[in-house]
């Protein structure tokens, strides 16, 4: 994928707030963690699962291969 990949781009509107509520974190802390994309953070793992389950991750990977070609 591109170097400036942002996991937050793969989430639907309201997903960050839903993740924050589920984990008991503030929306700002959750958003910052997702932007940093550190795999050890529970918010990042939850965001990845949401993106994967929605199909957004597969689409982003497909688009990245199209751009590279």
N, C-alpha and C. Protein backbone atom coordinates (compact mmCIF):
# COMPACT_ATOMS: atom_id res chain seq x y z
N UNK A 1 0.84 -1.17 0.00
CA UNK A 1 0.00 0.00 0.00
C UNK A 1 0.89 1.25 0.00
N UNK A 2 0.29 2.38 -0.19
CA UNK A 2 1.05 3.62 -0.28
C UNK A 2 1.66 3.97 1.08
N UNK A 3 2.79 4.70 1.09
CA UNK A 3 3.48 5.00 2.33
C UNK A 3 2.65 5.81 3.33
N UNK A 4 1.76 6.67 2.87
CA UNK A 4 0.96 7.48 3.77
C UNK A 4 -0.39 6.84 4.06
N UNK A 5 -0.41 5.50 4.10
CA UNK A 5 -1.62 4.75 4.39
C UNK A 5 -2.19 5.17 5.74
N UNK A 6 -3.49 5.34 5.79
CA UNK A 6 -4.17 5.74 7.01
C UNK A 6 -5.34 4.79 7.24
N UNK A 7 -5.28 4.03 8.31
CA UNK A 7 -6.32 3.08 8.64
C UNK A 7 -7.67 3.77 8.83
N UNK A 8 -7.66 4.99 9.31
CA UNK A 8 -8.90 5.73 9.54
C UNK A 8 -9.69 5.93 8.25
N UNK A 9 -9.01 5.97 7.12
CA UNK A 9 -9.70 6.16 5.84
C UNK A 9 -10.58 4.97 5.48
N UNK A 10 -10.30 3.82 6.07
CA UNK A 10 -11.06 2.61 5.75
C UNK A 10 -12.29 2.44 6.64
N UNK A 11 -12.43 3.31 7.63
CA UNK A 11 -13.55 3.18 8.56
C UNK A 11 -14.75 3.99 8.10
N UNK A 12 -15.92 3.50 8.42
CA UNK A 12 -17.16 4.21 8.11
C UNK A 12 -17.34 5.35 9.11
N UNK A 13 -18.14 6.35 8.74
CA UNK A 13 -18.43 7.43 9.69
C UNK A 13 -19.05 6.86 10.97
N UNK A 14 -18.51 7.28 12.08
CA UNK A 14 -19.02 6.83 13.37
C UNK A 14 -18.29 5.64 13.95
N UNK A 15 -17.43 5.00 13.16
CA UNK A 15 -16.70 3.83 13.65
C UNK A 15 -15.73 4.18 14.77
N UNK A 16 -15.05 5.31 14.65
CA UNK A 16 -14.10 5.70 15.69
C UNK A 16 -14.83 5.90 17.01
N UNK A 17 -15.97 6.55 16.97
CA UNK A 17 -16.75 6.75 18.20
C UNK A 17 -17.24 5.43 18.77
N UNK A 18 -17.63 4.52 17.90
CA UNK A 18 -18.09 3.20 18.36
C UNK A 18 -16.95 2.42 18.99
N UNK A 19 -15.77 2.50 18.41
CA UNK A 19 -14.61 1.82 18.98
C UNK A 19 -14.27 2.43 20.34
N UNK A 20 -14.29 3.75 20.41
CA UNK A 20 -13.99 4.43 21.67
C UNK A 20 -14.97 4.02 22.77
N UNK A 21 -16.24 3.97 22.44
CA UNK A 21 -17.24 3.58 23.43
C UNK A 21 -17.05 2.12 23.86
N UNK A 22 -16.74 1.26 22.91
CA UNK A 22 -16.56 -0.15 23.22
C UNK A 22 -15.37 -0.38 24.15
N UNK A 23 -14.30 0.39 23.94
CA UNK A 23 -13.08 0.20 24.71
C UNK A 23 -13.00 1.10 25.94
N UNK A 24 -13.95 2.02 26.07
CA UNK A 24 -13.93 2.93 27.21
C UNK A 24 -12.86 4.01 27.11
N UNK A 25 -12.54 4.41 25.90
CA UNK A 25 -11.54 5.45 25.65
C UNK A 25 -12.23 6.70 25.12
N UNK A 26 -11.51 7.81 25.15
CA UNK A 26 -12.06 9.02 24.55
C UNK A 26 -11.94 8.91 23.03
N UNK A 27 -12.77 9.65 22.33
CA UNK A 27 -12.73 9.63 20.87
C UNK A 27 -11.40 10.17 20.37
N UNK A 28 -10.87 11.19 21.03
CA UNK A 28 -9.59 11.78 20.61
C UNK A 28 -8.45 10.77 20.76
N UNK A 29 -8.42 10.06 21.87
CA UNK A 29 -7.36 9.07 22.10
C UNK A 29 -7.48 7.92 21.09
N UNK A 30 -8.70 7.52 20.82
CA UNK A 30 -8.93 6.45 19.86
C UNK A 30 -8.50 6.88 18.46
N UNK A 31 -8.87 8.07 18.06
CA UNK A 31 -8.51 8.59 16.75
C UNK A 31 -7.00 8.70 16.60
N UNK A 32 -6.33 9.20 17.62
CA UNK A 32 -4.88 9.34 17.57
C UNK A 32 -4.20 7.97 17.48
N UNK A 33 -4.70 7.01 18.22
CA UNK A 33 -4.12 5.67 18.17
C UNK A 33 -4.29 5.05 16.78
N UNK A 34 -5.45 5.25 16.18
CA UNK A 34 -5.70 4.70 14.85
C UNK A 34 -4.81 5.39 13.81
N UNK A 35 -4.60 6.69 13.95
CA UNK A 35 -3.71 7.40 13.04
C UNK A 35 -2.28 6.89 13.14
N UNK A 36 -1.83 6.58 14.37
CA UNK A 36 -0.47 6.08 14.57
C UNK A 36 -0.32 4.64 14.08
N UNK A 37 -1.41 3.89 14.09
CA UNK A 37 -1.48 2.52 13.56
C UNK A 37 -0.48 1.56 14.21
N UNK A 38 -0.37 1.66 15.53
CA UNK A 38 0.48 0.72 16.25
C UNK A 38 -0.34 -0.54 16.54
N UNK A 39 0.08 -1.68 16.03
CA UNK A 39 -0.71 -2.90 16.15
C UNK A 39 -0.97 -3.35 17.58
N UNK A 40 -0.18 -2.91 18.52
CA UNK A 40 -0.37 -3.34 19.90
C UNK A 40 -1.54 -2.63 20.59
N UNK A 41 -2.02 -1.55 20.02
CA UNK A 41 -3.11 -0.80 20.64
C UNK A 41 -4.45 -1.47 20.34
N UNK A 42 -5.29 -1.67 21.35
CA UNK A 42 -6.58 -2.34 21.12
C UNK A 42 -7.49 -1.59 20.14
N UNK A 43 -7.41 -0.27 20.08
CA UNK A 43 -8.24 0.49 19.14
C UNK A 43 -7.82 0.21 17.71
N UNK A 44 -6.54 0.04 17.49
CA UNK A 44 -6.04 -0.26 16.15
C UNK A 44 -6.48 -1.65 15.72
N UNK A 45 -6.40 -2.60 16.63
CA UNK A 45 -6.86 -3.96 16.31
C UNK A 45 -8.34 -3.97 16.00
N UNK A 46 -9.12 -3.23 16.76
CA UNK A 46 -10.57 -3.17 16.52
C UNK A 46 -10.87 -2.49 15.19
N UNK A 47 -10.15 -1.41 14.88
CA UNK A 47 -10.34 -0.71 13.60
C UNK A 47 -9.99 -1.62 12.43
N UNK A 48 -8.92 -2.39 12.57
CA UNK A 48 -8.53 -3.32 11.52
C UNK A 48 -9.63 -4.36 11.30
N UNK A 49 -10.17 -4.90 12.38
CA UNK A 49 -11.24 -5.89 12.25
C UNK A 49 -12.48 -5.30 11.58
N UNK A 50 -12.83 -4.07 11.94
CA UNK A 50 -13.98 -3.43 11.30
C UNK A 50 -13.75 -3.23 9.81
N UNK A 51 -12.55 -2.76 9.45
CA UNK A 51 -12.22 -2.54 8.04
C UNK A 51 -12.20 -3.86 7.27
N UNK A 52 -11.67 -4.89 7.90
CA UNK A 52 -11.60 -6.19 7.25
C UNK A 52 -12.99 -6.79 7.07
N UNK A 53 -13.82 -6.73 8.09
CA UNK A 53 -15.16 -7.30 8.03
C UNK A 53 -16.07 -6.55 7.07
N UNK A 54 -15.84 -5.27 6.88
CA UNK A 54 -16.68 -4.49 5.96
C UNK A 54 -16.26 -4.66 4.50
N UNK A 55 -15.08 -5.20 4.28
CA UNK A 55 -14.57 -5.36 2.92
C UNK A 55 -13.73 -4.19 2.45
N UNK A 56 -13.63 -3.14 3.26
CA UNK A 56 -12.88 -1.95 2.86
C UNK A 56 -11.39 -2.24 2.70
N UNK A 57 -10.88 -3.13 3.52
CA UNK A 57 -9.46 -3.46 3.44
C UNK A 57 -9.13 -4.15 2.11
N UNK A 58 -9.96 -5.06 1.68
CA UNK A 58 -9.74 -5.75 0.41
C UNK A 58 -9.81 -4.79 -0.76
N UNK A 59 -10.75 -3.87 -0.71
CA UNK A 59 -10.89 -2.88 -1.78
C UNK A 59 -9.65 -1.98 -1.82
N UNK A 60 -9.17 -1.55 -0.66
CA UNK A 60 -7.98 -0.69 -0.62
C UNK A 60 -6.76 -1.42 -1.18
N UNK A 61 -6.63 -2.71 -0.84
CA UNK A 61 -5.52 -3.48 -1.38
C UNK A 61 -5.64 -3.64 -2.89
N UNK A 62 -6.84 -3.84 -3.38
CA UNK A 62 -7.05 -3.94 -4.82
C UNK A 62 -6.74 -2.65 -5.54
N UNK A 63 -7.15 -1.54 -4.94
CA UNK A 63 -6.85 -0.24 -5.54
C UNK A 63 -5.35 0.05 -5.55
N UNK A 64 -4.67 -0.38 -4.50
CA UNK A 64 -3.22 -0.16 -4.44
C UNK A 64 -2.51 -0.92 -5.55
N UNK A 65 -2.98 -2.13 -5.87
CA UNK A 65 -2.34 -2.87 -6.95
C UNK A 65 -2.66 -2.26 -8.31
N UNK A 66 -3.85 -1.68 -8.44
CA UNK A 66 -4.19 -1.01 -9.71
C UNK A 66 -3.34 0.22 -9.92
N UNK A 67 -3.10 0.98 -8.86
CA UNK A 67 -2.28 2.18 -8.98
C UNK A 67 -0.84 1.84 -9.30
N UNK A 68 -0.36 0.69 -8.81
CA UNK A 68 1.03 0.31 -9.04
C UNK A 68 1.24 -0.18 -10.47
N UNK A 69 0.20 -0.65 -11.11
CA UNK A 69 0.34 -1.21 -12.46
C UNK A 69 0.45 -0.14 -13.52
